[in-house]
């Protein structure tokens, strides 16, 4: 197990970093609110992978699993509320373009 630890660490670290970069890119470079939500999902999945990776490296997998499950539950609630907000925005302005949100009054 000690010989495979550096290989697993680097493999998952590179994967998590790529997911993190992809999530930030989706959040920063789009005005489409649905794409921003997808970017937020990708970003939180990379954080979950980092938590599991840290638990594997430190040998505290039970704590890492508990934190990951907590993060997933919080993520589902945040995304559900955000989807509700996006649906209300679409209902009011007939677009999911984030640039048009500046024109909303009241």
N, C-alpha and C. Protein backbone atom coordinates (compact mmCIF):
# COMPACT_ATOMS: atom_id res chain seq x y z
N UNK A 1 0.81 -1.19 0.00
CA UNK A 1 0.00 0.00 0.00
C UNK A 1 0.86 1.25 0.00
N UNK A 2 2.00 1.22 0.60
CA UNK A 2 2.83 2.42 0.65
C UNK A 2 3.43 2.74 -0.71
N UNK A 3 3.65 1.72 -1.55
CA UNK A 3 4.21 1.98 -2.89
C UNK A 3 3.19 2.61 -3.82
N UNK A 4 1.91 2.29 -3.63
CA UNK A 4 0.90 2.84 -4.51
C UNK A 4 0.39 4.20 -4.05
N UNK A 5 0.70 4.60 -2.84
CA UNK A 5 0.21 5.87 -2.31
C UNK A 5 0.66 7.08 -3.13
N UNK A 6 1.94 7.22 -3.49
CA UNK A 6 2.31 8.39 -4.31
C UNK A 6 1.66 8.38 -5.69
N UNK A 7 1.49 7.21 -6.29
CA UNK A 7 0.85 7.14 -7.60
C UNK A 7 -0.61 7.55 -7.52
N UNK A 8 -1.32 7.05 -6.52
CA UNK A 8 -2.73 7.40 -6.34
C UNK A 8 -2.86 8.88 -6.00
N UNK A 9 -1.96 9.38 -5.15
CA UNK A 9 -2.00 10.79 -4.76
C UNK A 9 -1.85 11.69 -5.97
N UNK A 10 -0.86 11.43 -6.81
CA UNK A 10 -0.63 12.30 -7.96
C UNK A 10 -1.73 12.17 -9.00
N UNK A 11 -2.24 10.97 -9.18
CA UNK A 11 -3.31 10.76 -10.15
C UNK A 11 -4.57 11.54 -9.75
N UNK A 12 -4.99 11.38 -8.51
CA UNK A 12 -6.19 12.08 -8.05
C UNK A 12 -5.94 13.58 -7.88
N UNK A 13 -4.73 13.97 -7.53
CA UNK A 13 -4.42 15.40 -7.42
C UNK A 13 -4.52 16.08 -8.77
N UNK A 14 -3.97 15.46 -9.79
CA UNK A 14 -4.05 16.05 -11.13
C UNK A 14 -5.49 16.11 -11.61
N UNK A 15 -6.24 15.05 -11.36
CA UNK A 15 -7.65 15.04 -11.74
C UNK A 15 -8.46 16.10 -11.02
N UNK A 16 -8.21 16.26 -9.72
CA UNK A 16 -8.94 17.26 -8.94
C UNK A 16 -8.56 18.67 -9.37
N UNK A 17 -7.29 18.89 -9.67
CA UNK A 17 -6.84 20.22 -10.12
C UNK A 17 -7.47 20.55 -11.48
N UNK A 18 -7.53 19.57 -12.38
CA UNK A 18 -8.17 19.80 -13.68
C UNK A 18 -9.66 20.10 -13.52
N UNK A 19 -10.32 19.40 -12.62
CA UNK A 19 -11.73 19.69 -12.36
C UNK A 19 -11.90 21.09 -11.76
N UNK A 20 -11.00 21.47 -10.87
CA UNK A 20 -11.05 22.79 -10.25
C UNK A 20 -10.89 23.88 -11.30
N UNK A 21 -9.93 23.72 -12.18
CA UNK A 21 -9.70 24.70 -13.25
C UNK A 21 -10.90 24.76 -14.18
N UNK A 22 -11.46 23.61 -14.52
CA UNK A 22 -12.62 23.57 -15.40
C UNK A 22 -13.83 24.26 -14.75
N UNK A 23 -14.03 24.02 -13.47
CA UNK A 23 -15.15 24.66 -12.76
C UNK A 23 -15.00 26.16 -12.70
N UNK A 24 -13.80 26.64 -12.38
CA UNK A 24 -13.58 28.09 -12.34
C UNK A 24 -13.75 28.69 -13.73
N UNK A 25 -13.29 28.00 -14.76
CA UNK A 25 -13.42 28.50 -16.12
C UNK A 25 -14.89 28.62 -16.50
N UNK A 26 -15.69 27.62 -16.13
CA UNK A 26 -17.13 27.68 -16.43
C UNK A 26 -17.81 28.82 -15.70
N UNK A 27 -17.41 29.08 -14.48
CA UNK A 27 -18.01 30.17 -13.71
C UNK A 27 -17.62 31.54 -14.24
N UNK A 28 -16.37 31.70 -14.63
CA UNK A 28 -15.87 33.01 -15.01
C UNK A 28 -16.22 33.37 -16.45
N UNK A 29 -16.17 32.43 -17.37
CA UNK A 29 -16.23 32.75 -18.79
C UNK A 29 -17.62 32.65 -19.42
N UNK A 30 -18.65 32.41 -18.66
CA UNK A 30 -19.97 32.29 -19.26
C UNK A 30 -20.95 33.28 -18.64
N UNK A 31 -21.90 33.70 -19.44
CA UNK A 31 -23.00 34.52 -18.95
C UNK A 31 -24.28 33.71 -18.84
N UNK A 32 -24.26 32.49 -19.33
CA UNK A 32 -25.41 31.60 -19.26
C UNK A 32 -25.50 31.07 -17.83
N UNK A 33 -26.64 31.27 -17.19
CA UNK A 33 -26.78 30.89 -15.79
C UNK A 33 -26.76 29.38 -15.59
N UNK A 34 -27.26 28.63 -16.55
CA UNK A 34 -27.25 27.16 -16.42
C UNK A 34 -25.82 26.64 -16.52
N UNK A 35 -25.04 27.21 -17.43
CA UNK A 35 -23.64 26.81 -17.52
C UNK A 35 -22.87 27.18 -16.25
N UNK A 36 -23.24 28.29 -15.64
CA UNK A 36 -22.59 28.68 -14.38
C UNK A 36 -22.92 27.67 -13.28
N UNK A 37 -24.16 27.18 -13.27
CA UNK A 37 -24.52 26.15 -12.28
C UNK A 37 -23.76 24.85 -12.53
N UNK A 38 -23.57 24.51 -13.79
CA UNK A 38 -22.79 23.31 -14.11
C UNK A 38 -21.34 23.50 -13.67
N UNK A 39 -20.80 24.70 -13.87
CA UNK A 39 -19.45 25.00 -13.40
C UNK A 39 -19.34 24.91 -11.89
N UNK A 40 -20.38 25.36 -11.19
CA UNK A 40 -20.39 25.25 -9.73
C UNK A 40 -20.42 23.80 -9.29
N UNK A 41 -21.18 22.97 -9.99
CA UNK A 41 -21.20 21.53 -9.70
C UNK A 41 -19.83 20.90 -9.88
N UNK A 42 -19.18 21.23 -10.99
CA UNK A 42 -17.84 20.68 -11.26
C UNK A 42 -16.86 21.14 -10.19
N UNK A 43 -16.97 22.39 -9.79
CA UNK A 43 -16.09 22.94 -8.76
C UNK A 43 -16.27 22.22 -7.42
N UNK A 44 -17.51 21.98 -7.03
CA UNK A 44 -17.73 21.29 -5.76
C UNK A 44 -17.33 19.81 -5.83
N UNK A 45 -17.45 19.21 -7.01
CA UNK A 45 -16.98 17.82 -7.15
C UNK A 45 -15.47 17.74 -6.98
N UNK A 46 -14.75 18.75 -7.46
CA UNK A 46 -13.29 18.74 -7.27
C UNK A 46 -12.94 18.92 -5.80
N UNK A 47 -13.69 19.74 -5.09
CA UNK A 47 -13.44 19.91 -3.65
C UNK A 47 -13.73 18.61 -2.91
N UNK A 48 -14.78 17.91 -3.31
CA UNK A 48 -15.09 16.62 -2.71
C UNK A 48 -13.95 15.62 -2.96
N UNK A 49 -13.42 15.63 -4.16
CA UNK A 49 -12.30 14.75 -4.47
C UNK A 49 -11.06 15.10 -3.65
N UNK A 50 -10.82 16.39 -3.43
CA UNK A 50 -9.71 16.80 -2.58
C UNK A 50 -9.89 16.34 -1.13
N UNK A 51 -11.13 16.40 -0.64
CA UNK A 51 -11.39 15.95 0.74
C UNK A 51 -11.14 14.46 0.87
N UNK A 52 -11.62 13.68 -0.08
CA UNK A 52 -11.40 12.23 -0.05
C UNK A 52 -9.91 11.91 -0.18
N UNK A 53 -9.22 12.65 -1.03
CA UNK A 53 -7.78 12.45 -1.20
C UNK A 53 -7.03 12.76 0.09
N UNK A 54 -7.40 13.84 0.76
CA UNK A 54 -6.75 14.18 2.03
C UNK A 54 -7.01 13.12 3.09
N UNK A 55 -8.21 12.58 3.12
CA UNK A 55 -8.52 11.51 4.07
C UNK A 55 -7.75 10.24 3.77
N UNK A 56 -7.55 9.95 2.50
CA UNK A 56 -6.79 8.75 2.12
C UNK A 56 -5.31 8.90 2.49
N UNK A 57 -4.77 10.09 2.26
CA UNK A 57 -3.35 10.31 2.54
C UNK A 57 -3.08 10.31 4.04
N UNK A 58 -3.97 10.93 4.81
CA UNK A 58 -3.76 11.01 6.25
C UNK A 58 -4.23 9.77 7.01
N UNK A 59 -4.97 8.89 6.33
CA UNK A 59 -5.45 7.69 6.99
C UNK A 59 -6.72 7.91 7.79
N UNK A 60 -7.39 9.03 7.60
CA UNK A 60 -8.63 9.33 8.32
C UNK A 60 -9.80 9.32 7.34
N UNK A 61 -10.03 8.15 6.76
CA UNK A 61 -11.07 8.04 5.74
C UNK A 61 -12.46 8.24 6.30
N UNK A 62 -12.70 7.86 7.54
CA UNK A 62 -14.04 8.02 8.11
C UNK A 62 -14.41 9.51 8.20
N UNK A 63 -13.48 10.32 8.63
CA UNK A 63 -13.72 11.76 8.70
C UNK A 63 -13.90 12.35 7.31
N UNK A 64 -13.08 11.92 6.38
CA UNK A 64 -13.17 12.43 5.01
C UNK A 64 -14.50 12.05 4.38
N UNK A 65 -14.97 10.84 4.62
CA UNK A 65 -16.25 10.42 4.06
C UNK A 65 -17.40 11.21 4.67
N UNK A 66 -17.33 11.46 5.97
CA UNK A 66 -18.37 12.26 6.62
C UNK A 66 -18.39 13.68 6.07
N UNK A 67 -17.23 14.27 5.88
CA UNK A 67 -17.16 15.61 5.32
C UNK A 67 -17.64 15.64 3.88
N UNK A 68 -17.31 14.62 3.11
CA UNK A 68 -17.74 14.56 1.71
C UNK A 68 -19.25 14.43 1.61
N UNK A 69 -19.84 13.60 2.44
CA UNK A 69 -21.30 13.45 2.43
C UNK A 69 -21.97 14.75 2.84
N UNK A 70 -21.43 15.42 3.84
CA UNK A 70 -21.97 16.71 4.25
C UNK A 70 -21.87 17.73 3.12
N UNK A 71 -20.74 17.75 2.44
CA UNK A 71 -20.56 18.68 1.32
C UNK A 71 -21.54 18.37 0.19
N UNK A 72 -21.78 17.10 -0.09
CA UNK A 72 -22.72 16.73 -1.15
C UNK A 72 -24.14 17.16 -0.80
N UNK A 73 -24.53 17.00 0.45
CA UNK A 73 -25.87 17.42 0.88
C UNK A 73 -26.02 18.93 0.77
N UNK A 74 -25.03 19.68 1.21
CA UNK A 74 -25.08 21.14 1.10
C UNK A 74 -25.10 21.56 -0.36
N UNK A 75 -24.34 20.88 -1.18
CA UNK A 75 -24.28 21.18 -2.61
C UNK A 75 -25.65 20.98 -3.27
N UNK A 76 -26.34 19.92 -2.93
CA UNK A 76 -27.65 19.65 -3.51
C UNK A 76 -28.63 20.76 -3.12
N UNK A 77 -28.60 21.20 -1.88
CA UNK A 77 -29.50 22.26 -1.45
C UNK A 77 -29.19 23.57 -2.17
N UNK A 78 -27.92 23.91 -2.27
CA UNK A 78 -27.53 25.15 -2.95
C UNK A 78 -27.93 25.11 -4.42
N UNK A 79 -27.70 24.00 -5.09
CA UNK A 79 -28.04 23.89 -6.50
C UNK A 79 -29.56 23.91 -6.69
N UNK A 80 -30.32 23.29 -5.79
CA UNK A 80 -31.78 23.33 -5.90
C UNK A 80 -32.30 24.76 -5.78
N UNK A 81 -31.77 25.52 -4.84
CA UNK A 81 -32.18 26.93 -4.68
C UNK A 81 -31.75 27.74 -5.90
N UNK A 82 -30.54 27.50 -6.39
CA UNK A 82 -30.04 28.24 -7.55
C UNK A 82 -30.86 27.93 -8.80
N UNK A 83 -31.27 26.68 -8.98
CA UNK A 83 -32.11 26.34 -10.13
C UNK A 83 -33.47 27.02 -10.00
N UNK A 84 -34.00 27.11 -8.81
CA UNK A 84 -35.25 27.84 -8.59
C UNK A 84 -35.11 29.31 -8.96
N UNK A 85 -33.99 29.91 -8.59
CA UNK A 85 -33.75 31.31 -8.94
C UNK A 85 -33.61 31.47 -10.44
N UNK A 86 -32.91 30.56 -11.10
CA UNK A 86 -32.75 30.63 -12.55
C UNK A 86 -34.11 30.48 -13.24
N UNK A 87 -34.96 29.59 -12.75
CA UNK A 87 -36.29 29.43 -13.34
C UNK A 87 -37.13 30.69 -13.17
N UNK A 88 -37.04 31.34 -12.01
CA UNK A 88 -37.77 32.60 -11.81
C UNK A 88 -37.22 33.70 -12.71
N UNK A 89 -35.92 33.75 -12.89
CA UNK A 89 -35.33 34.73 -13.79
C UNK A 89 -35.82 34.48 -15.21
N UNK A 90 -35.84 33.23 -15.64
CA UNK A 90 -36.32 32.91 -16.98
C UNK A 90 -37.79 33.26 -17.14
N UNK A 91 -38.56 33.03 -16.11
CA UNK A 91 -39.99 33.34 -16.17
C UNK A 91 -40.23 34.84 -16.30
N UNK A 92 -39.41 35.65 -15.66
CA UNK A 92 -39.61 37.10 -15.67
C UNK A 92 -39.01 37.78 -16.90
N UNK A 93 -37.82 37.40 -17.31
CA UNK A 93 -37.17 38.13 -18.41
C UNK A 93 -37.00 37.29 -19.67
N UNK A 94 -37.47 36.05 -19.66
CA UNK A 94 -37.43 35.16 -20.83
C UNK A 94 -36.02 34.94 -21.37
N UNK A 95 -35.04 34.94 -20.49
CA UNK A 95 -33.66 34.69 -20.89
C UNK A 95 -32.89 34.20 -19.67
N UNK A 96 -31.84 33.43 -19.92
CA UNK A 96 -30.98 32.99 -18.83
C UNK A 96 -29.59 33.62 -18.95
N UNK A 97 -29.53 34.75 -19.64
CA UNK A 97 -28.28 35.49 -19.79
C UNK A 97 -28.06 36.33 -18.54
N UNK A 98 -26.93 36.16 -17.91
CA UNK A 98 -26.63 36.87 -16.67
C UNK A 98 -26.45 38.36 -16.85
N UNK A 99 -26.10 38.81 -18.06
CA UNK A 99 -25.92 40.23 -18.31
C UNK A 99 -27.23 41.00 -18.25
N UNK A 100 -28.33 40.33 -18.51
CA UNK A 100 -29.63 40.98 -18.48
C UNK A 100 -30.17 41.17 -17.07
N UNK A 101 -29.53 40.59 -16.09
CA UNK A 101 -30.00 40.74 -14.72
C UNK A 101 -29.77 42.16 -14.19
N UNK A 102 -28.89 42.90 -14.80
CA UNK A 102 -28.64 44.27 -14.37
C UNK A 102 -29.83 45.18 -14.66
N UNK A 103 -30.67 44.81 -15.61
CA UNK A 103 -31.80 45.64 -16.03
C UNK A 103 -33.06 45.40 -15.21
N UNK A 104 -33.03 44.46 -14.29
CA UNK A 104 -34.23 44.13 -13.51
C UNK A 104 -34.45 45.22 -12.46
N UNK A 105 -35.67 45.68 -12.38
CA UNK A 105 -36.06 46.69 -11.38
C UNK A 105 -36.98 46.04 -10.36
N UNK A 106 -36.89 46.50 -9.13
CA UNK A 106 -37.81 46.08 -8.07
C UNK A 106 -37.53 44.75 -7.60
